[in-house]
Amino acid sequence: MTDSIQRRLFMILGSFTALICIAYTLIALLLAYVTEDMVLESILAQQAKVIIRSSSHETLPRPDMDFMQLYTSVDAMPAAVRQEVRELHVTGGRKLEIFGKDGKHYHVLRLQLGSAQEVYLLAEVSPFLVVSHLSARVAGLMLTVALLMLVAALLLAYFLVRRIALPLQQLAEEVSSTPAKEIPSFKASQRRDEIGFLAKKLEDSLHARHTALLRETNFTRDLSHELRTPITILNNLLLAGQGRVLAEEDALVARQSVDDLMHTLDILLALARAENMLPIKLDLIACIEQSLLFVHYSTPAKRHEVTLDLPAQWLVLGNQHLIGLLLNNLFNNAMTHGDGQAAIHVFFEHPKLILSNAIRSDRHSHTAGFGHGRNLMERITSALGWEIRFEQSVDSFQVEIIPQPAIPGR
């Protein structure tokens, strides 16, 4: 990464911290100067009140403090302040602050004594400028303290930025180091904040992508594997039957191959769709009844006695379309490859659904009864989160299915 979020955060937070430190230092100095100036002005104002109260037409009172002088004319005042005082008289102002060229600091207050007499109270306050003298003497110390505080603030900002950016950096590292074929699991997804929410959503998104790629890979593999046999059979029949009408047995094999193609395509397309992986609560007994009716009416030539020994209701978690394909495939195989003289027995043995039938002896060498399409049935039950087991003997075949039970109240 050419631009790190930690570096950017540190630049922003560090700049803001430095700005705050400098601003508060300047504000502190400004407040010190303003406070000092207000104290001096308060002293002059108090002295002015005393002078006004004790004034008479014959004599002028003398200020109580040595650094203050009372003047009746501008010309009698020090040369450093005459020009500014004349401008004050012209503008009609009452007070003035003057920084003399000789390094002295003057405060001037114009007073009105009686009806016509004006006087000027002049105070040379440079000895009382504590902040200026203190700043000059301890400027190095103040600068050192300010720099130390700035460095401390920047260090604090650095550690805060590391603490803030570390979970994001760890998440980025985990994302970049996770192989494309692996299901990701991020440590940050355990956090209970925005970063944890982001990690969880990213984990779910990558998991969904991985699942979609897996379904696509399985679909491509199954197309080449499951459809090869019925297509080969049809191709051989067509090649062998060129120029003549197919025999009844060959036509039966061709129709069976086409049915196998249709069933296989239905199953593969169902497994490839993401919406078929979302489980809901269903009644398995109703699914069995619907599947039996579908197989009965879709293949009227096949007639078998089916014995059901099931409870009134059996709630499971699954997808209705996938469950229907599984049961249709099982019943269709049983009717096609089973012994026509024996019943298909479907019964409940907690927590299993068991389907059993006899195998026709004349087809035993060519088929495995319910075992036809076993790989696809295992794929369907795996997608449903169920379990399936096959048991075969010389003259019988049995399938045990353990569905995922529905939790009551959900």
Protein backbone atom coordinates (compact mmCIF):
# COMPACT_ATOMS: atom_id res chain seq x y z
CA MET A 1 0.00 0.00 0.00
CA THR A 2 1.46 3.35 -1.06
CA ASP A 3 -0.62 5.33 1.43
CA SER A 4 -1.09 4.03 4.97
CA ILE A 5 -4.17 4.94 6.97
CA GLN A 6 -1.97 5.11 10.10
CA ARG A 7 0.27 7.74 8.46
CA ARG A 8 -2.69 9.79 7.28
CA LEU A 9 -4.38 9.64 10.67
CA PHE A 10 -1.15 10.66 12.41
CA MET A 11 -0.68 13.63 10.06
CA ILE A 12 -4.24 14.79 10.68
CA LEU A 13 -4.28 14.20 14.44
CA GLY A 14 -0.70 15.43 14.89
CA SER A 15 -1.39 18.64 12.98
CA PHE A 16 -4.56 19.20 14.95
CA THR A 17 -2.74 18.55 18.25
CA ALA A 18 0.10 20.95 17.35
CA LEU A 19 -2.41 23.60 16.32
CA ILE A 20 -4.28 23.22 19.62
CA CYS A 21 -1.03 23.47 21.63
CA ILE A 22 0.14 26.59 19.79
CA ALA A 23 -3.29 28.20 19.96
CA TYR A 24 -3.64 27.63 23.72
CA THR A 25 -0.10 28.91 24.32
CA LEU A 26 -0.91 32.12 22.45
CA ILE A 27 -4.24 32.45 24.26
CA ALA A 28 -2.49 32.03 27.62
CA LEU A 29 0.02 34.78 26.76
CA LEU A 30 -2.76 37.03 25.52
CA LEU A 31 -4.76 36.53 28.71
CA ALA A 32 -1.68 37.33 30.82
CA TYR A 33 -1.07 40.57 28.95
CA VAL A 34 -4.75 41.56 29.06
CA THR A 35 -4.94 40.81 32.79
CA GLU A 36 -1.83 42.87 33.46
CA ASP A 37 -3.18 45.75 31.42
CA MET A 38 -6.57 45.63 33.14
CA VAL A 39 -4.89 45.71 36.58
CA LEU A 40 -2.88 48.82 35.65
CA GLU A 41 -5.96 50.51 34.20
CA SER A 42 -7.92 49.74 37.37
CA ILE A 43 -5.18 51.37 39.47
CA LEU A 44 -5.24 54.49 37.26
CA ALA A 45 -9.03 54.64 37.37
CA GLN A 46 -9.01 54.40 41.17
CA GLN A 47 -6.37 57.14 41.42
CA ALA A 48 -8.42 59.31 39.04
CA LYS A 49 -11.45 59.05 41.32
CA VAL A 50 -9.33 60.12 44.29
CA ILE A 51 -7.98 63.14 42.37
CA ILE A 52 -11.43 64.24 41.22
CA ARG A 53 -12.87 63.99 44.75
CA SER A 54 -10.03 66.00 46.35
CA SER A 55 -9.58 68.63 43.63
CA SER A 56 -10.26 72.38 44.18
CA HIS A 57 -9.88 75.53 42.06
CA GLU A 58 -6.84 76.78 43.94
CA THR A 59 -4.57 73.72 44.07
CA LEU A 60 -4.24 70.39 42.30
CA PRO A 61 -4.00 67.18 44.37
CA ARG A 62 -0.84 65.14 44.16
CA PRO A 63 -1.07 61.47 43.07
CA ASP A 64 -0.54 58.93 45.85
CA MET A 65 1.96 56.85 43.85
CA ASP A 66 5.37 57.98 42.66
CA PHE A 67 5.07 56.50 39.17
CA MET A 68 2.08 58.76 38.46
CA GLN A 69 2.24 62.46 37.57
CA LEU A 70 -0.53 65.04 37.05
CA TYR A 71 -0.10 67.62 34.25
CA THR A 72 -2.24 70.64 33.38
CA SER A 73 -0.88 71.10 29.86
CA VAL A 74 0.44 68.89 27.08
CA ASP A 75 3.67 70.91 26.73
CA ALA A 76 4.68 70.11 30.30
CA MET A 77 4.51 66.36 29.66
CA PRO A 78 7.52 64.25 28.52
CA ALA A 79 8.42 64.62 24.86
CA ALA A 80 7.81 60.91 24.22
CA VAL A 81 4.07 61.29 24.78
CA ARG A 82 3.23 64.84 23.61
CA GLN A 83 2.25 64.03 20.02
CA GLU A 84 -0.03 61.13 20.98
CA VAL A 85 -1.66 63.22 23.78
CA ARG A 86 -2.38 66.07 21.36
CA GLU A 87 -4.07 63.58 19.01
CA LEU A 88 -6.04 62.25 21.99
CA HIS A 89 -7.21 65.80 22.79
CA VAL A 90 -8.29 66.35 19.17
CA THR A 91 -10.23 63.09 18.95
CA GLY A 92 -11.86 63.59 22.35
CA GLY A 93 -10.60 60.31 23.80
CA ARG A 94 -10.14 59.73 27.56
CA LYS A 95 -7.28 57.24 27.81
CA LEU A 96 -4.20 56.29 25.91
CA GLU A 97 -1.45 53.67 26.05
CA ILE A 98 1.96 54.60 24.61
CA PHE A 99 5.07 52.53 24.00
CA GLY A 100 7.93 55.00 24.15
CA LYS A 101 11.07 54.75 22.05
CA ASP A 102 13.15 54.78 25.23
CA GLY A 103 11.71 51.42 26.27
CA LYS A 104 9.21 52.96 28.69
CA HIS A 105 5.51 52.20 28.78
CA TYR A 106 3.04 55.02 29.49
CA HIS A 107 -0.64 55.10 30.38
CA VAL A 108 -2.41 58.46 29.97
CA LEU A 109 -5.81 59.35 31.43
CA ARG A 110 -7.51 62.68 30.57
CA LEU A 111 -9.56 64.07 33.48
CA GLN A 112 -12.11 66.88 33.71
CA LEU A 113 -11.80 68.97 36.93
CA GLY A 114 -14.58 71.45 37.46
CA SER A 115 -16.33 72.98 34.50
CA ALA A 116 -13.39 73.97 32.31
CA GLN A 117 -10.12 72.66 33.68
CA GLU A 118 -8.57 69.57 32.07
CA VAL A 119 -5.61 67.65 33.45
CA TYR A 120 -3.65 64.60 32.35
CA LEU A 121 -2.76 61.73 34.66
CA LEU A 122 0.42 60.11 33.34
CA ALA A 123 1.73 56.77 34.68
CA GLU A 124 5.03 55.25 33.61
CA VAL A 125 4.27 51.56 34.27
CA SER A 126 7.27 49.79 32.74
CA PRO A 127 8.49 48.57 36.18
CA PHE A 128 5.12 46.86 36.68
CA LEU A 129 5.02 44.90 33.40
CA VAL A 130 5.47 41.57 35.12
CA VAL A 131 4.53 39.45 32.12
CA SER A 132 7.00 41.14 29.80
CA HIS A 133 9.85 40.94 32.29
CA LEU A 134 8.98 37.37 33.20
CA SER A 135 8.71 36.34 29.54
CA ALA A 136 12.14 37.83 28.82
CA ARG A 137 13.74 36.06 31.77
CA VAL A 138 12.14 32.66 31.46
CA ALA A 139 11.57 32.60 27.70
CA GLY A 140 13.88 29.61 27.33
CA LEU A 141 12.09 27.68 30.05
CA MET A 142 8.68 28.52 28.60
CA LEU A 143 9.80 27.50 25.12
CA THR A 144 11.27 24.25 26.46
CA VAL A 145 8.08 23.41 28.36
CA ALA A 146 5.98 24.23 25.30
CA LEU A 147 8.13 21.99 23.11
CA LEU A 148 8.02 19.16 25.66
CA MET A 149 4.25 19.42 25.86
CA LEU A 150 4.05 19.43 22.07
CA VAL A 151 6.26 16.34 21.82
CA ALA A 152 4.17 14.59 24.51
CA ALA A 153 0.99 15.47 22.65
CA LEU A 154 2.42 14.13 19.37
CA LEU A 155 3.52 10.90 21.08
CA LEU A 156 0.05 10.50 22.54
CA ALA A 157 -1.42 11.14 19.10
CA TYR A 158 0.92 8.51 17.62
CA PHE A 159 -0.11 5.83 20.11
CA LEU A 160 -3.79 6.72 19.71
CA VAL A 161 -3.47 6.47 15.93
CA ARG A 162 -1.75 3.08 16.25
CA ARG A 163 -4.52 1.85 18.52
CA ILE A 164 -7.20 3.12 16.15
CA ALA A 165 -5.58 1.92 12.93
CA LEU A 166 -4.25 -1.44 14.17
CA PRO A 167 -7.55 -3.39 13.82
CA LEU A 168 -8.00 -2.05 10.28
CA GLN A 169 -4.41 -2.93 9.38
CA GLN A 170 -4.82 -6.43 10.83
CA LEU A 171 -8.05 -6.89 8.88
CA ALA A 172 -6.36 -5.75 5.66
CA GLU A 173 -3.46 -8.13 6.33
CA GLU A 174 -5.84 -11.05 6.95
CA VAL A 175 -7.79 -10.27 3.76
CA SER A 176 -4.61 -10.06 1.65
CA SER A 177 -3.09 -13.23 3.14
CA THR A 178 -6.21 -15.42 2.86
CA PRO A 179 -5.98 -17.73 -0.18
CA ALA A 180 -8.79 -17.40 -2.68
CA LYS A 181 -9.87 -21.03 -2.19
CA GLU A 182 -10.14 -20.85 1.60
CA ILE A 183 -13.14 -19.73 3.64
CA PRO A 184 -11.98 -16.61 5.55
CA SER A 185 -12.23 -16.18 9.31
CA PHE A 186 -11.21 -12.75 10.62
CA LYS A 187 -10.30 -12.06 14.25
CA ALA A 188 -11.82 -8.57 14.01
CA SER A 189 -15.29 -10.09 13.42
CA GLN A 190 -15.46 -10.80 17.19
CA ARG A 191 -15.29 -7.07 18.03
CA ARG A 192 -18.52 -5.32 19.04
CA ASP A 193 -17.98 -2.08 17.14
CA GLU A 194 -17.99 -0.75 13.58
CA ILE A 195 -14.77 -2.57 12.71
CA GLY A 196 -16.27 -5.85 13.92
CA PHE A 197 -19.40 -5.19 11.85
CA LEU A 198 -17.26 -4.45 8.78
CA ALA A 199 -15.15 -7.59 9.33
CA LYS A 200 -18.27 -9.74 9.76
CA LYS A 201 -19.89 -8.37 6.60
CA LEU A 202 -16.65 -8.83 4.66
CA GLU A 203 -16.33 -12.36 6.00
CA ASP A 204 -19.91 -13.16 4.94
CA SER A 205 -19.32 -11.63 1.50
CA LEU A 206 -16.14 -13.63 0.90
CA HIS A 207 -17.84 -16.77 2.21
CA ALA A 208 -20.74 -16.22 -0.21
CA ARG A 209 -18.25 -15.73 -3.06
CA HIS A 210 -16.40 -18.90 -2.08
CA THR A 211 -19.68 -20.84 -1.92
CA ALA A 212 -20.75 -19.52 -5.33
CA LEU A 213 -17.41 -20.50 -6.87
CA LEU A 214 -17.68 -23.93 -5.28
CA ARG A 215 -21.18 -24.41 -6.68
CA GLU A 216 -19.96 -23.33 -10.10
CA THR A 217 -17.02 -25.76 -9.91
CA ASN A 218 -19.28 -28.60 -8.78
CA PHE A 219 -21.81 -27.81 -11.50
CA THR A 220 -19.12 -27.93 -14.20
CA ARG A 221 -17.68 -31.16 -12.81
CA ASP A 222 -21.09 -32.79 -12.45
CA LEU A 223 -22.08 -31.86 -15.99
CA SER A 224 -19.07 -33.68 -17.38
CA HIS A 225 -19.47 -36.65 -15.00
CA GLU A 226 -23.19 -37.28 -14.52
CA LEU A 227 -24.38 -36.59 -18.06
CA ARG A 228 -21.68 -38.55 -19.85
CA THR A 229 -23.27 -41.99 -19.36
CA PRO A 230 -26.82 -41.25 -20.61
CA ILE A 231 -25.47 -39.19 -23.50
CA THR A 232 -23.12 -42.02 -24.47
CA ILE A 233 -26.01 -44.50 -24.37
CA LEU A 234 -28.15 -42.29 -26.61
CA ASN A 235 -25.27 -41.72 -29.01
CA ASN A 236 -24.59 -45.46 -29.28
CA LEU A 237 -28.28 -46.20 -29.89
CA LEU A 238 -28.45 -43.58 -32.62
CA LEU A 239 -25.31 -44.92 -34.29
CA ALA A 240 -26.53 -48.52 -34.05
CA GLY A 241 -30.02 -47.64 -35.24
CA GLN A 242 -29.09 -45.69 -38.39
CA GLY A 243 -31.41 -46.59 -41.24
CA ARG A 244 -33.77 -48.72 -39.14
CA VAL A 245 -36.46 -48.34 -36.52
CA LEU A 246 -35.27 -48.84 -32.95
CA ALA A 247 -36.29 -52.03 -31.27
CA GLU A 248 -38.69 -51.84 -28.34
CA GLU A 249 -35.91 -52.56 -25.82
CA ASP A 250 -33.62 -49.93 -27.37
CA ALA A 251 -36.42 -47.37 -27.37
CA LEU A 252 -37.05 -48.15 -23.69
CA VAL A 253 -33.36 -47.61 -22.92
CA ALA A 254 -33.40 -44.34 -24.90
CA ARG A 255 -36.44 -43.05 -23.02
CA GLN A 256 -34.84 -44.04 -19.72
CA SER A 257 -31.63 -42.21 -20.68
CA VAL A 258 -33.61 -39.08 -21.57
CA ASP A 259 -35.42 -39.28 -18.22
CA ASP A 260 -32.08 -39.62 -16.47
CA LEU A 261 -30.81 -36.56 -18.33
CA MET A 262 -33.83 -34.50 -17.29
CA HIS A 263 -33.64 -35.58 -13.64
CA THR A 264 -29.89 -34.95 -13.51
CA LEU A 265 -30.23 -31.49 -15.06
CA ASP A 266 -32.98 -30.57 -12.58
CA ILE A 267 -30.80 -31.61 -9.66
CA LEU A 268 -27.64 -29.89 -10.93
CA LEU A 269 -29.45 -26.64 -11.64
CA ALA A 270 -31.10 -26.74 -8.20
CA LEU A 271 -27.73 -27.27 -6.50
CA ALA A 272 -26.22 -24.39 -8.48
CA ARG A 273 -28.81 -21.84 -7.30
CA ALA A 274 -28.01 -19.95 -4.10
CA GLU A 275 -31.67 -19.53 -3.16
CA ASN A 276 -32.01 -23.30 -2.84
CA MET A 277 -29.48 -23.31 0.01
CA LEU A 278 -31.67 -21.26 2.37
CA PRO A 279 -33.34 -23.63 4.88
CA ILE A 280 -36.91 -23.16 6.12
CA LYS A 281 -39.18 -25.19 8.41
CA LEU A 282 -41.16 -27.81 6.47
CA ASP A 283 -43.38 -30.81 7.12
CA LEU A 284 -41.47 -33.80 5.68
CA ILE A 285 -44.65 -35.94 5.65
CA ALA A 286 -46.31 -33.48 3.27
CA CYS A 287 -43.20 -33.50 1.03
CA ILE A 288 -43.29 -37.32 0.88
CA GLU A 289 -46.99 -37.31 -0.08
CA GLN A 290 -46.41 -34.69 -2.82
CA SER A 291 -43.45 -36.63 -4.21
CA LEU A 292 -45.38 -39.91 -4.32
CA LEU A 293 -48.25 -38.24 -6.17
CA PHE A 294 -45.84 -36.58 -8.61
CA VAL A 295 -44.05 -39.84 -9.44
CA HIS A 296 -47.36 -41.70 -9.72
CA TYR A 297 -48.90 -39.27 -12.24
CA SER A 298 -45.68 -38.54 -14.16
CA THR A 299 -44.95 -42.26 -14.73
CA PRO A 300 -48.36 -43.93 -15.05
CA ALA A 301 -46.80 -47.07 -16.55
CA LYS A 302 -45.00 -47.82 -13.28
CA ARG A 303 -47.20 -49.42 -10.66
CA HIS A 304 -45.86 -50.34 -7.24
CA GLU A 305 -47.44 -50.79 -3.87
CA VAL A 306 -46.06 -48.25 -1.41
CA THR A 307 -46.45 -48.83 2.33
CA LEU A 308 -46.18 -45.79 4.60
CA ASP A 309 -45.55 -46.06 8.32
CA LEU A 310 -45.05 -42.42 9.28
CA PRO A 311 -46.16 -39.96 12.00
CA ALA A 312 -48.85 -37.39 11.34
CA GLN A 313 -46.31 -34.57 11.18
CA TRP A 314 -42.53 -34.34 11.01
CA LEU A 315 -41.02 -30.84 11.02
CA VAL A 316 -37.55 -30.50 9.50
CA LEU A 317 -35.25 -27.75 8.20
CA GLY A 318 -34.59 -27.78 4.47
CA ASN A 319 -35.47 -26.46 1.03
CA GLN A 320 -38.70 -27.72 -0.48
CA HIS A 321 -37.34 -27.90 -4.03
CA LEU A 322 -34.25 -29.89 -3.05
CA ILE A 323 -36.28 -32.21 -0.81
CA GLY A 324 -38.71 -32.81 -3.66
CA LEU A 325 -35.90 -33.65 -6.08
CA LEU A 326 -34.36 -36.04 -3.55
CA LEU A 327 -37.61 -37.90 -2.86
CA ASN A 328 -38.62 -37.92 -6.54
CA ASN A 329 -35.30 -39.45 -7.47
CA LEU A 330 -35.54 -42.09 -4.73
CA PHE A 331 -39.13 -43.15 -5.56
CA ASN A 332 -38.51 -43.06 -9.30
CA ASN A 333 -35.44 -45.28 -8.97
CA ALA A 334 -37.33 -47.68 -6.71
CA MET A 335 -40.19 -48.02 -9.22
CA THR A 336 -37.85 -48.29 -12.18
CA HIS A 337 -35.25 -50.69 -10.84
CA GLY A 338 -37.08 -52.43 -8.00
CA ASP A 339 -38.95 -55.72 -8.04
CA GLY A 340 -42.44 -55.02 -9.32
CA GLN A 341 -43.94 -57.76 -7.18
CA ALA A 342 -42.69 -56.29 -3.87
CA ALA A 343 -43.85 -53.19 -2.04
CA ILE A 344 -41.77 -50.12 -1.38
CA HIS A 345 -41.71 -49.61 2.36
CA VAL A 346 -41.33 -46.07 3.75
CA PHE A 347 -41.22 -45.84 7.55
CA PHE A 348 -40.03 -43.70 10.45
CA GLU A 349 -37.43 -44.92 12.93
CA HIS A 350 -36.30 -41.99 15.09
CA PRO A 351 -34.44 -39.98 13.94
CA LYS A 352 -34.31 -41.66 10.52
CA LEU A 353 -36.53 -41.88 7.45
CA ILE A 354 -36.03 -45.33 5.90
CA LEU A 355 -36.97 -46.41 2.36
CA SER A 356 -36.54 -50.04 1.33
CA ASN A 357 -37.45 -52.16 -1.67
CA ALA A 358 -36.53 -55.42 -3.36
CA ILE A 359 -34.17 -55.51 -6.36
CA ARG A 360 -35.19 -57.26 -9.57
CA SER A 361 -32.90 -60.21 -10.10
CA ASP A 362 -32.85 -59.80 -13.88
CA ARG A 363 -31.47 -56.23 -13.55
CA HIS A 364 -29.17 -56.72 -10.64
CA SER A 365 -26.13 -56.86 -12.87
CA HIS A 366 -27.01 -53.57 -14.55
CA THR A 367 -28.26 -51.40 -11.71
CA ALA A 368 -28.10 -50.88 -8.00
CA GLY A 369 -31.71 -49.90 -7.39
CA PHE A 370 -31.73 -46.83 -5.17
CA GLY A 371 -28.00 -46.55 -5.77
CA HIS A 372 -28.55 -45.11 -9.23
CA GLY A 373 -27.47 -41.48 -8.99
CA ARG A 374 -26.10 -42.04 -5.48
CA ASN A 375 -23.56 -39.24 -5.89
CA LEU A 376 -26.29 -36.72 -6.71
CA MET A 377 -28.39 -37.79 -3.74
CA GLU A 378 -25.39 -37.38 -1.46
CA ARG A 379 -24.85 -33.93 -2.92
CA ILE A 380 -28.48 -32.97 -2.24
CA THR A 381 -28.42 -34.16 1.37
CA SER A 382 -25.10 -32.40 1.93
CA ALA A 383 -26.60 -29.16 0.63
CA LEU A 384 -29.58 -29.63 2.97
CA GLY A 385 -27.34 -30.38 5.95
CA TRP A 386 -28.82 -33.90 6.18
CA GLU A 387 -27.20 -37.34 6.30
CA ILE A 388 -27.84 -40.29 3.97
CA ARG A 389 -26.69 -43.92 4.08
CA PHE A 390 -27.17 -46.76 1.60
CA GLU A 391 -27.43 -50.47 2.45
CA GLN A 392 -27.57 -53.09 -0.28
CA SER A 393 -27.88 -56.87 -0.20
CA VAL A 394 -28.36 -59.48 -2.89
CA ASP A 395 -32.10 -58.88 -3.28
CA SER A 396 -32.89 -55.67 -1.40
CA PHE A 397 -31.87 -52.05 -1.17
CA GLN A 398 -32.37 -49.60 1.69
CA VAL A 399 -31.76 -45.87 2.17
CA GLU A 400 -31.56 -44.17 5.57
CA ILE A 401 -32.00 -40.40 5.70
CA ILE A 402 -31.40 -38.34 8.84
CA PRO A 403 -32.93 -34.90 8.27
CA GLN A 404 -32.08 -31.75 10.21
CA PRO A 405 -34.85 -31.31 12.80
CA ALA A 406 -36.66 -28.00 13.13
CA ILE A 407 -36.23 -26.31 16.53
CA PRO A 408 -39.64 -25.72 18.16
CA GLY A 409 -40.67 -22.06 18.32
CA ARG A 410 -38.53 -20.98 15.34
